[in-house]
Amino acid sequence: MDLLDWIERHAGFTPDKLALTGNGLSLSYAQLALHAQKSAGMLAELGIGRGDRIVWLGLNAPEMLSLLFGCARLGAILVPINWRLAAPEITYIIKDCAPGLLVADPDFIKMAPSDLGPRSISTGDSLTQLHARAQPVASRQGSREDGVVICYTSGTTGQPKGALLTQEALQWNAVNSTHMHALSQNDRVLTTLPLFHVGGMNIQTLPALHAGATVHLHAKFDPEACLKTLAQERITLTVLVPTQLHALMALPNWQSADLSSLRMISTGSTIVPVPLVQSIFERGIPLVQVYGSTETAPIAAYQTPDGARTRPGSTGKAALHCQLRVIDNAGRDVDAGTDGEILVRGPNLMSGYWKDDAATARALQEGWFHTGDVGHVDADGFLIVSDRKKDMIISGGENIYPAQLEMVMAECPEIQECAVVGRKDPHWGEVAVAVVVRRLGARITEGDVMRLFQDRVARYKHPRAVIFVDQLPRNAMGKIVKGDVRKMAMNEEQA
């Protein structure tokens, strides 16, 4: 079997049920099955076969998901690329994955190198015409053991690495998501996160199609369009990262919009401030956290609505088909409540990094993925993520986790957003520095920020400086790019 079997089976049960809508296209399950079969035929006619890579460089569109299912049928691999990257970054990824075909939006096709060999197809008329002439492929050439997606990580510690996810990994991730969200064919899912990110593709979108639900797809996130769709289409489930939630809550009609159909909002991508969780709950909607990474497809742990209410600072328990461990620097399991590196094991893990055996060997050891995240599991089995291991600040031999300080500042109504990074210090090795964006009209000073930590955290953890900026650098998923924040702190010191 392959992933396209999901769609074909639902087409057999509910052929007229709306499966996917977006970009001016609405497809029932029967229509989506045929569309994906024709995508497989188009790719085959272009010489794409088992193991070949196809790059998608474009906004969210039903055609991208159709290509994914077409790749699954052939045993080929889809490589969605972040269209927000600079041209040299896109060039690096294309060189690394060596695709046989590039499918790109007209606005982005010029960002791709023209001398790397793959044939290029522009989305729109060119893709539509090729697709219309193609013969559908119904016979299975791919299998669950085949790689089907390469998602490139953000590359915050160097060049990005391509995590290869098999069809089986996406199958088990869908099962985990079904348990997390109590997904059923009655759900209506809104996807606004970019599908080039594993969160946009795999937290709800593909699992919803696995469950026979309906997916409404937005090309990209627009707060007003999102809020309108949530109300008008009676959406039951959606994924929104904190930056998106803040944008929605800033709309004048946020409080009056009819969101009574929403069963829950899933969130993640970064450590979620408790005040934000409480604000969404006050709107009558459970805000449920999911924990994972590109390498875990991504669902590794999650809350349920009840857990979100009672344990707002946690990211829930291990996913239905995952195991968690927390280890110290010597690789030994630590006691409940003790921080260490979080490890994940399960059938949803990547098979490895594309063409990087050394990085794969470091990340996957004896079946366990070493996340690089720091946290602990409490006595009841709930996971609390403290920070990224690489973001930890070591000051005078003491460990400082920036997330702890960021959570304190997040409670201040005069602070729009903030980040804590380490800055070199001749005496302590490193000291913590807070980089802060004031809310519009706020007059909070450095001294005011410093006083927020008084009697809240140990003195050695307090920031030694506060830098005020207009905005913080973020990636496509809304994560603050700590490497760029460190550069801001270093430039401020030099100035």
Protein backbone atom coordinates (compact mmCIF):
# COMPACT_ATOMS: atom_id res chain seq x y z
CA MET A 1 0.00 0.00 0.00
CA ASP A 2 0.99 3.66 -0.37
CA LEU A 3 -0.33 7.01 0.88
CA LEU A 4 -2.60 7.44 -2.13
CA ASP A 5 -4.53 4.41 -0.86
CA TRP A 6 -5.90 6.72 1.87
CA ILE A 7 -7.61 8.88 -0.72
CA GLU A 8 -8.74 6.01 -2.94
CA ARG A 9 -10.32 4.16 -0.01
CA HIS A 10 -12.23 7.25 1.12
CA ALA A 11 -13.26 7.81 -2.51
CA GLY A 12 -14.80 4.35 -2.38
CA PHE A 13 -16.73 5.07 0.81
CA THR A 14 -17.62 8.76 0.36
CA PRO A 15 -16.82 9.76 -3.26
CA ASP A 16 -18.71 13.07 -3.14
CA LYS A 17 -17.40 14.20 0.25
CA LEU A 18 -15.36 17.44 -0.02
CA ALA A 19 -11.73 16.52 0.61
CA LEU A 20 -9.67 19.59 -0.20
CA THR A 21 -10.28 23.19 -1.18
CA GLY A 22 -7.94 26.08 -1.88
CA ASN A 23 -6.36 28.17 -4.64
CA GLY A 24 -9.72 28.24 -6.45
CA LEU A 25 -9.89 24.44 -6.55
CA SER A 26 -12.38 22.23 -4.69
CA LEU A 27 -11.94 18.47 -4.86
CA SER A 28 -14.15 15.69 -3.56
CA TYR A 29 -12.42 12.49 -2.46
CA ALA A 30 -13.18 10.89 -5.83
CA GLN A 31 -11.81 13.94 -7.64
CA LEU A 32 -8.72 14.12 -5.43
CA ALA A 33 -7.99 10.42 -6.04
CA LEU A 34 -8.15 10.95 -9.81
CA HIS A 35 -6.16 14.19 -9.57
CA ALA A 36 -3.38 12.44 -7.65
CA GLN A 37 -3.38 9.48 -10.04
CA LYS A 38 -2.96 11.95 -12.93
CA SER A 39 -0.17 13.70 -10.99
CA ALA A 40 1.61 10.34 -10.83
CA GLY A 41 1.04 9.90 -14.55
CA MET A 42 2.38 13.37 -15.32
CA LEU A 43 5.51 12.73 -13.26
CA ALA A 44 6.06 9.35 -14.93
CA GLU A 45 5.73 10.92 -18.39
CA LEU A 46 8.39 13.46 -17.35
CA GLY A 47 10.75 10.62 -16.48
CA ILE A 48 10.30 10.65 -12.71
CA GLY A 49 10.55 7.25 -11.06
CA ARG A 50 11.31 5.51 -7.80
CA GLY A 51 13.67 7.51 -5.57
CA ASP A 52 13.70 10.61 -7.81
CA ARG A 53 13.18 14.02 -6.17
CA ILE A 54 10.66 16.68 -7.15
CA VAL A 55 11.04 20.19 -5.72
CA TRP A 56 7.97 22.29 -4.93
CA LEU A 57 8.76 25.99 -4.57
CA GLY A 58 5.43 27.71 -4.08
CA LEU A 59 2.61 28.77 -1.82
CA ASN A 60 0.16 26.31 -0.29
CA ALA A 61 -2.01 24.74 -2.99
CA PRO A 62 -4.05 21.55 -3.47
CA GLU A 63 -1.77 20.76 -6.41
CA MET A 64 1.16 20.34 -4.02
CA LEU A 65 -0.68 17.71 -1.98
CA SER A 66 -1.77 16.00 -5.19
CA LEU A 67 1.89 15.83 -6.23
CA LEU A 68 2.78 14.36 -2.84
CA PHE A 69 0.25 11.55 -3.30
CA GLY A 70 1.48 11.11 -6.87
CA CYS A 71 5.04 10.75 -5.59
CA ALA A 72 3.84 8.14 -3.10
CA ARG A 73 2.27 6.12 -5.94
CA LEU A 74 5.57 6.16 -7.90
CA GLY A 75 7.96 5.80 -4.95
CA ALA A 76 9.33 9.29 -5.70
CA ILE A 77 10.18 11.99 -3.15
CA LEU A 78 8.69 15.50 -2.81
CA VAL A 79 11.00 18.26 -1.55
CA PRO A 80 9.00 21.34 -0.51
CA ILE A 81 11.27 24.39 -0.19
CA ASN A 82 10.69 27.45 1.96
CA TRP A 83 9.94 30.20 -0.57
CA ARG A 84 10.99 32.83 1.97
CA LEU A 85 14.62 31.76 1.74
CA ALA A 86 17.17 33.83 -0.14
CA ALA A 87 18.28 32.65 -3.58
CA PRO A 88 21.66 31.25 -2.35
CA GLU A 89 19.83 29.20 0.32
CA ILE A 90 17.41 27.81 -2.26
CA THR A 91 20.34 27.00 -4.53
CA TYR A 92 22.04 25.06 -1.74
CA ILE A 93 18.98 22.88 -1.12
CA ILE A 94 18.44 22.20 -4.83
CA LYS A 95 22.09 21.22 -5.25
CA ASP A 96 21.86 19.01 -2.17
CA CYS A 97 18.75 17.05 -3.18
CA ALA A 98 19.53 17.01 -6.95
CA PRO A 99 15.92 16.90 -8.19
CA GLY A 100 14.71 15.63 -11.53
CA LEU A 101 11.94 18.24 -11.64
CA LEU A 102 11.28 21.70 -10.21
CA VAL A 103 7.70 22.94 -9.85
CA ALA A 104 7.60 26.61 -8.85
CA ASP A 105 5.23 29.54 -8.64
CA PRO A 106 5.98 32.18 -11.31
CA ASP A 107 7.07 34.66 -8.62
CA PHE A 108 9.64 32.20 -7.24
CA ILE A 109 10.94 30.37 -10.28
CA LYS A 110 13.51 33.08 -10.90
CA MET A 111 14.98 32.42 -7.45
CA ALA A 112 15.95 28.88 -8.47
CA PRO A 113 19.23 28.32 -10.33
CA SER A 114 18.81 27.78 -14.06
CA ASP A 115 22.04 25.81 -14.53
CA LEU A 116 21.48 22.86 -12.20
CA GLY A 117 19.79 20.54 -14.66
CA PRO A 118 16.23 19.81 -13.48
CA ARG A 119 13.34 20.63 -15.77
CA SER A 120 11.24 23.51 -14.46
CA ILE A 121 7.46 23.79 -14.58
CA SER A 122 5.60 26.91 -13.55
CA THR A 123 2.47 26.47 -11.47
CA GLY A 124 -0.69 27.75 -13.11
CA ASP A 125 -1.33 27.13 -16.81
CA SER A 126 1.86 25.11 -17.49
CA LEU A 127 1.22 22.65 -14.68
CA THR A 128 -2.50 22.48 -15.45
CA GLN A 129 -1.93 21.68 -19.13
CA LEU A 130 0.60 18.93 -18.41
CA HIS A 131 -1.67 17.49 -15.74
CA ALA A 132 -4.73 17.52 -18.02
CA ARG A 133 -2.94 15.48 -20.72
CA ALA A 134 -1.54 12.89 -18.29
CA GLN A 135 -2.87 9.36 -17.96
CA PRO A 136 -3.74 8.32 -14.39
CA VAL A 137 -1.53 5.75 -12.66
CA ALA A 138 -3.52 3.31 -10.56
CA SER A 139 -0.93 0.54 -10.10
CA ARG A 140 1.25 0.88 -7.01
CA GLN A 141 4.96 1.34 -7.66
CA GLY A 142 5.83 2.85 -4.29
CA SER A 143 5.51 1.31 -0.84
CA ARG A 144 5.35 2.40 2.78
CA GLU A 145 9.09 1.76 3.18
CA ASP A 146 9.94 4.36 0.52
CA GLY A 147 10.99 7.87 1.36
CA VAL A 148 8.28 10.30 0.24
CA VAL A 149 9.21 13.72 1.66
CA ILE A 150 12.48 15.51 2.39
CA CYS A 151 11.89 18.43 4.75
CA TYR A 152 14.89 20.66 5.26
CA THR A 153 15.53 21.89 8.77
CA SER A 154 16.00 25.58 9.45
CA GLY A 155 19.78 25.34 9.54
CA THR A 156 20.21 27.53 12.64
CA THR A 157 23.43 25.67 13.52
CA GLY A 158 24.87 25.60 9.99
CA GLN A 159 23.69 24.50 6.56
CA PRO A 160 20.18 22.99 6.53
CA LYS A 161 19.85 19.21 6.61
CA GLY A 162 17.18 17.26 4.76
CA ALA A 163 15.17 14.91 6.99
CA LEU A 164 13.92 11.99 4.91
CA LEU A 165 10.45 10.82 5.97
CA THR A 166 9.06 7.55 4.69
CA GLN A 167 5.45 6.85 3.81
CA GLU A 168 5.28 4.67 6.91
CA ALA A 169 6.49 7.56 9.10
CA LEU A 170 3.67 9.76 7.78
CA GLN A 171 1.20 6.92 8.33
CA TRP A 172 2.13 6.57 12.01
CA ASN A 173 2.26 10.34 12.45
CA ALA A 174 -1.32 10.46 11.15
CA VAL A 175 -2.34 7.85 13.73
CA ASN A 176 -0.73 9.92 16.49
CA SER A 177 -2.55 13.03 15.24
CA THR A 178 -5.85 11.16 15.11
CA HIS A 179 -5.47 10.30 18.79
CA MET A 180 -4.33 13.82 19.72
CA HIS A 181 -7.21 15.56 17.96
CA ALA A 182 -9.86 12.81 18.10
CA LEU A 183 -9.94 13.30 14.32
CA SER A 184 -12.93 12.02 12.36
CA GLN A 185 -14.48 12.42 8.93
CA ASN A 186 -16.78 15.06 10.44
CA ASP A 187 -13.92 17.49 11.06
CA ARG A 188 -13.25 20.59 9.00
CA VAL A 189 -9.60 21.61 9.18
CA LEU A 190 -8.13 24.99 8.25
CA THR A 191 -4.46 25.00 7.24
CA THR A 192 -2.68 28.35 7.15
CA LEU A 193 0.82 27.22 8.12
CA PRO A 194 3.17 26.72 5.16
CA LEU A 195 3.15 23.17 3.79
CA PHE A 196 6.90 23.37 3.20
CA HIS A 197 7.17 22.97 6.98
CA VAL A 198 6.50 19.59 8.54
CA GLY A 199 4.09 21.24 11.00
CA GLY A 200 1.89 22.66 8.27
CA MET A 201 1.88 19.41 6.33
CA ASN A 202 1.68 16.83 9.10
CA ILE A 203 0.13 18.08 12.34
CA GLN A 204 -3.37 18.18 10.85
CA THR A 205 -3.39 18.43 7.04
CA LEU A 206 -2.36 14.93 5.96
CA PRO A 207 -3.88 13.32 9.09
CA ALA A 208 -7.21 14.97 8.22
CA LEU A 209 -7.14 13.42 4.76
CA HIS A 210 -6.20 10.08 6.34
CA ALA A 211 -9.32 10.41 8.51
CA GLY A 212 -11.61 11.38 5.63
CA ALA A 213 -12.13 14.93 6.89
CA THR A 214 -12.27 18.18 4.87
CA VAL A 215 -9.23 20.45 4.57
CA HIS A 216 -9.53 24.16 3.76
CA LEU A 217 -6.15 25.38 2.53
CA HIS A 218 -5.01 29.00 2.54
CA ALA A 219 -2.12 29.98 0.26
CA LYS A 220 -0.52 31.73 3.22
CA PHE A 221 -1.58 33.17 6.54
CA ASP A 222 -3.68 36.32 6.52
CA PRO A 223 -5.24 37.14 9.91
CA GLU A 224 -8.52 38.59 8.56
CA ALA A 225 -8.99 35.78 6.02
CA CYS A 226 -8.20 33.21 8.69
CA LEU A 227 -10.74 34.57 11.16
CA LYS A 228 -13.38 34.84 8.44
CA THR A 229 -12.86 31.23 7.33
CA LEU A 230 -12.92 29.92 10.89
CA ALA A 231 -16.39 31.41 11.32
CA GLN A 232 -17.94 30.95 7.87
CA GLU A 233 -16.74 27.39 7.19
CA ARG A 234 -17.50 26.23 10.74
CA ILE A 235 -13.93 25.03 11.17
CA THR A 236 -13.45 22.48 13.95
CA LEU A 237 -9.64 22.20 14.06
CA THR A 238 -6.69 24.37 13.10
CA VAL A 239 -3.00 24.81 13.94
CA LEU A 240 -1.82 28.32 14.82
CA VAL A 241 1.60 29.18 16.21
CA PRO A 242 1.88 31.95 18.84
CA THR A 243 2.71 34.72 16.36
CA GLN A 244 -0.44 33.89 14.38
CA LEU A 245 -2.54 33.83 17.54
CA HIS A 246 -1.26 37.25 18.54
CA ALA A 247 -2.15 38.58 15.07
CA LEU A 248 -5.70 37.19 15.34
CA MET A 249 -6.17 38.55 18.85
CA ALA A 250 -5.13 42.01 17.63
CA LEU A 251 -8.04 42.15 15.16
CA PRO A 252 -10.93 44.39 16.25
CA ASN A 253 -13.49 41.60 15.63
CA TRP A 254 -11.59 38.87 17.48
CA GLN A 255 -13.94 38.92 20.47
CA SER A 256 -17.13 39.08 18.40
CA ALA A 257 -16.28 36.45 15.76
CA ASP A 258 -18.33 33.26 15.95
CA LEU A 259 -15.80 30.54 16.78
CA SER A 260 -18.25 28.18 18.41
CA SER A 261 -17.45 25.39 15.95
CA LEU A 262 -13.77 25.20 17.00
CA ARG A 263 -13.10 22.13 19.13
CA MET A 264 -9.49 23.10 19.75
CA ILE A 265 -6.52 25.00 18.40
CA SER A 266 -3.21 23.17 18.27
CA THR A 267 -0.01 25.14 18.75
CA GLY A 268 3.70 24.62 19.10
CA SER A 269 6.88 25.51 17.18
CA THR A 270 8.19 27.33 20.26
CA ILE A 271 7.65 27.41 24.01
CA VAL A 272 4.14 28.80 24.49
CA PRO A 273 3.66 31.45 27.20
CA VAL A 274 1.05 30.52 29.80
CA PRO A 275 -0.73 33.92 29.51
CA LEU A 276 -1.35 33.20 25.82
CA VAL A 277 -2.85 29.81 26.67
CA GLN A 278 -5.12 31.43 29.23
CA SER A 279 -6.22 34.14 26.76
CA ILE A 280 -7.39 31.54 24.23
CA PHE A 281 -9.13 29.51 26.93
CA GLU A 282 -10.97 32.68 27.99
CA ARG A 283 -12.35 32.77 24.44
CA GLY A 284 -13.81 29.33 25.12
CA ILE A 285 -11.33 27.38 22.96
CA PRO A 286 -8.81 24.82 24.24
CA LEU A 287 -5.26 25.67 23.14
CA VAL A 288 -3.43 22.35 22.94
CA GLN A 289 0.35 22.07 22.61
CA VAL A 290 2.19 19.58 20.42
CA TYR A 291 5.89 18.80 20.75
CA GLY A 292 8.16 17.46 18.06
CA SER A 293 10.52 18.37 15.25
CA THR A 294 11.09 17.88 11.56
CA GLU A 295 12.85 14.62 12.36
CA THR A 296 9.82 13.22 14.25
CA ALA A 297 7.34 14.02 11.44
CA PRO A 298 6.61 15.99 13.84
CA ILE A 299 4.22 14.61 16.48
CA ALA A 300 6.16 13.16 19.43
CA ALA A 301 4.19 14.41 22.44
CA TYR A 302 1.01 16.38 22.95
CA GLN A 303 -1.64 17.61 25.32
CA THR A 304 -5.32 16.78 25.27
CA PRO A 305 -7.86 19.54 26.00
CA ASP A 306 -8.13 18.38 29.63
CA GLY A 307 -4.35 18.34 30.00
CA ALA A 308 -4.12 21.81 28.47
CA ARG A 309 -6.43 23.11 31.19
CA THR A 310 -4.74 21.39 34.11
CA ARG A 311 -1.10 21.47 32.92
CA PRO A 312 -0.71 24.69 30.90
CA GLY A 313 3.09 24.72 31.23
CA SER A 314 3.62 21.23 29.81
CA THR A 315 3.62 19.81 26.30
CA GLY A 316 1.65 16.77 27.37
CA LYS A 317 2.59 13.11 27.30
CA ALA A 318 4.34 10.88 24.77
CA ALA A 319 2.33 10.36 21.60
CA LEU A 320 0.31 7.16 21.31
CA HIS A 321 3.04 5.46 19.26
CA CYS A 322 6.12 7.21 20.67
CA GLN A 323 8.44 6.78 23.63
CA LEU A 324 10.31 9.54 25.48
CA ARG A 325 13.52 9.45 27.50
CA VAL A 326 15.43 12.19 29.30
CA ILE A 327 19.17 11.65 29.74
CA ASP A 328 22.15 13.40 31.30
CA ASN A 329 25.44 14.22 29.56
CA ALA A 330 26.69 10.69 30.24
CA GLY A 331 23.66 9.17 28.49
CA ARG A 332 22.01 7.95 31.70
CA ASP A 333 18.28 8.28 32.33
CA VAL A 334 17.52 10.98 34.87
CA ASP A 335 14.92 10.95 37.62
CA ALA A 336 11.48 12.51 37.22
CA GLY A 337 11.70 16.27 37.57
CA THR A 338 15.38 16.45 36.53
CA ASP A 339 16.30 18.29 33.35
CA GLY A 340 18.23 16.54 30.61
CA GLU A 341 18.21 16.02 26.85
CA ILE A 342 14.92 14.75 25.42
CA LEU A 343 15.06 11.60 23.28
CA VAL A 344 12.24 10.24 21.09
CA ARG A 345 11.66 6.79 19.62
CA GLY A 346 8.81 5.67 17.37
CA PRO A 347 7.84 4.55 13.85
CA ASN A 348 7.25 8.19 12.86
CA LEU A 349 10.97 9.08 13.01
CA MET A 350 12.89 10.08 9.91
CA SER A 351 15.00 7.38 8.29
CA GLY A 352 17.96 9.78 8.28
CA TYR A 353 19.40 12.98 6.89
CA TRP A 354 19.69 13.09 3.12
CA LYS A 355 23.27 12.25 2.04
CA ASP A 356 24.65 12.89 5.55
CA ASP A 357 25.49 9.62 7.27
CA ALA A 358 27.60 11.30 9.95
CA ALA A 359 24.79 13.63 11.06
CA THR A 360 22.34 10.73 10.95
CA ALA A 361 24.60 8.63 13.20
CA ARG A 362 24.81 11.48 15.72
CA ALA A 363 21.07 12.11 15.75
CA LEU A 364 19.80 8.51 15.67
CA GLN A 365 21.41 6.21 18.21
CA GLU A 366 20.00 2.77 18.91
CA GLY A 367 16.66 3.88 17.50
CA TRP A 368 16.45 7.03 19.66
CA PHE A 369 16.40 10.51 18.13
CA HIS A 370 18.47 12.99 20.15
CA THR A 371 16.42 16.16 19.91
CA GLY A 372 18.88 18.65 21.38
CA ASP A 373 16.02 19.95 23.53
CA VAL A 374 16.28 20.19 27.31
CA GLY A 375 13.40 19.29 29.59
CA HIS A 376 12.05 16.83 32.12
CA VAL A 377 9.17 14.45 32.66
CA ASP A 378 7.28 14.96 35.91
CA ALA A 379 6.04 12.22 38.22
CA ASP A 380 2.78 11.96 36.25
CA GLY A 381 4.48 11.54 32.88
CA PHE A 382 3.97 15.08 31.57
CA LEU A 383 6.80 16.54 29.48
CA ILE A 384 8.03 20.04 30.31
CA VAL A 385 10.40 21.50 27.72
CA SER A 386 12.88 23.95 29.20
CA ASP A 387 14.85 25.09 26.18
CA ARG A 388 16.98 24.17 23.24
CA LYS A 389 20.24 22.62 24.42
CA LYS A 390 22.22 24.80 22.05
CA ASP A 391 20.53 27.95 23.40
CA MET A 392 21.59 27.24 26.98
CA ILE A 393 23.82 29.93 28.51
CA ILE A 394 26.68 28.85 30.79
CA SER A 395 27.56 31.74 33.09
CA GLY A 396 30.19 31.19 35.73
CA GLY A 397 29.68 27.45 35.47
CA GLU A 398 25.91 27.72 36.02
CA ASN A 399 23.33 26.79 33.39
CA ILE A 400 20.80 29.44 32.37
CA TYR A 401 17.86 28.45 30.18
CA PRO A 402 16.65 31.50 28.21
CA ALA A 403 13.09 30.18 28.01
CA GLN A 404 12.67 30.53 31.76
CA LEU A 405 13.50 34.23 31.58
CA GLU A 406 11.41 34.73 28.45
CA MET A 407 8.37 33.27 30.20
CA VAL A 408 8.74 35.83 33.01
CA MET A 409 8.89 38.71 30.54
CA ALA A 410 5.94 37.32 28.56
CA GLU A 411 3.72 38.06 31.54
CA CYS A 412 4.47 41.80 31.32
CA PRO A 413 1.70 43.64 29.41
CA GLU A 414 4.16 46.29 28.19
CA ILE A 415 6.34 43.73 26.36
CA GLN A 416 5.24 42.68 22.88
CA GLU A 417 7.89 39.99 22.45
CA CYS A 418 11.31 39.15 23.77
CA ALA A 419 14.30 36.84 23.50
CA VAL A 420 17.19 36.05 25.82
CA VAL A 421 20.60 35.15 24.42
CA GLY A 422 24.10 34.71 25.74
CA ARG A 423 26.80 37.32 25.21
CA LYS A 424 30.49 36.69 25.82
CA ASP A 425 31.83 38.12 29.05
CA PRO A 426 35.50 38.21 30.13
CA HIS A 427 34.69 37.34 33.74
CA TRP A 428 31.69 34.98 33.57
CA GLY A 429 32.28 33.44 30.16
CA GLU A 430 28.73 34.34 29.16
CA VAL A 431 25.99 36.53 30.54
CA ALA A 432 22.32 36.69 29.68
CA VAL A 433 21.04 39.61 27.61
CA ALA A 434 17.35 40.38 27.07
CA VAL A 435 16.27 41.72 23.68
CA VAL A 436 12.83 43.30 23.99
CA VAL A 437 10.14 44.74 21.74
CA ARG A 438 7.86 47.19 23.58
CA ARG A 439 4.13 47.20 22.95
CA LEU A 440 2.88 50.23 21.06
CA GLY A 441 2.81 53.19 23.44
CA ALA A 442 4.63 51.37 26.26
CA ARG A 443 7.41 53.18 28.13
CA ILE A 444 8.99 50.28 29.98
CA THR A 445 12.67 50.90 30.77
CA GLU A 446 15.69 48.68 31.30
CA GLY A 447 15.24 48.99 35.04
CA ASP A 448 11.60 47.98 34.78
CA VAL A 449 12.56 44.84 32.86
CA MET A 450 15.26 43.97 35.40
CA ARG A 451 12.75 44.23 38.25
CA LEU A 452 10.53 41.60 36.63
CA PHE A 453 13.02 38.93 37.70
CA GLN A 454 13.31 40.07 41.31
CA ASP A 455 12.39 37.19 43.63
CA ARG A 456 11.30 35.15 40.58
CA VAL A 457 14.55 33.52 39.45
CA ALA A 458 18.02 33.12 40.94
CA ARG A 459 20.16 36.24 40.83
CA TYR A 460 22.83 34.68 38.60
CA LYS A 461 20.20 34.09 35.93
CA HIS A 462 19.15 37.75 35.67
CA PRO A 463 19.96 39.49 32.36
CA ARG A 464 22.92 41.82 32.60
CA ALA A 465 21.58 44.11 29.90
CA VAL A 466 18.33 44.91 28.10
CA ILE A 467 18.30 45.90 24.44
CA PHE A 468 15.13 47.45 22.96
CA VAL A 469 14.45 46.80 19.26
CA ASP A 470 11.56 47.37 16.86
CA GLN A 471 11.13 43.68 15.99
CA LEU A 472 12.77 40.29 16.43
CA PRO A 473 13.97 38.16 13.51
CA ARG A 474 11.71 35.16 12.87
CA ASN A 475 11.65 32.26 10.45
CA ALA A 476 8.68 31.08 8.39
CA MET A 477 7.13 29.19 11.31
CA GLY A 478 7.28 32.20 13.60
CA LYS A 479 10.26 30.94 15.58
CA ILE A 480 12.65 33.59 16.77
CA VAL A 481 16.02 33.07 15.07
CA LYS A 482 18.33 33.11 18.07
CA GLY A 483 21.47 33.29 15.94
CA ASP A 484 20.33 36.61 14.49
CA VAL A 485 19.32 37.85 17.95
CA ARG A 486 22.83 37.06 19.20
CA LYS A 487 24.22 39.17 16.37
CA MET A 488 21.93 42.03 17.44
CA ALA A 489 23.20 41.76 21.01
CA MET A 490 26.83 41.64 19.86
CA ASN A 491 26.39 44.64 17.54
CA GLU A 492 24.76 46.62 20.35
CA GLU A 493 27.72 45.87 22.64
CA GLN A 494 30.19 46.95 19.98
CA ALA A 495 28.21 50.13 19.35
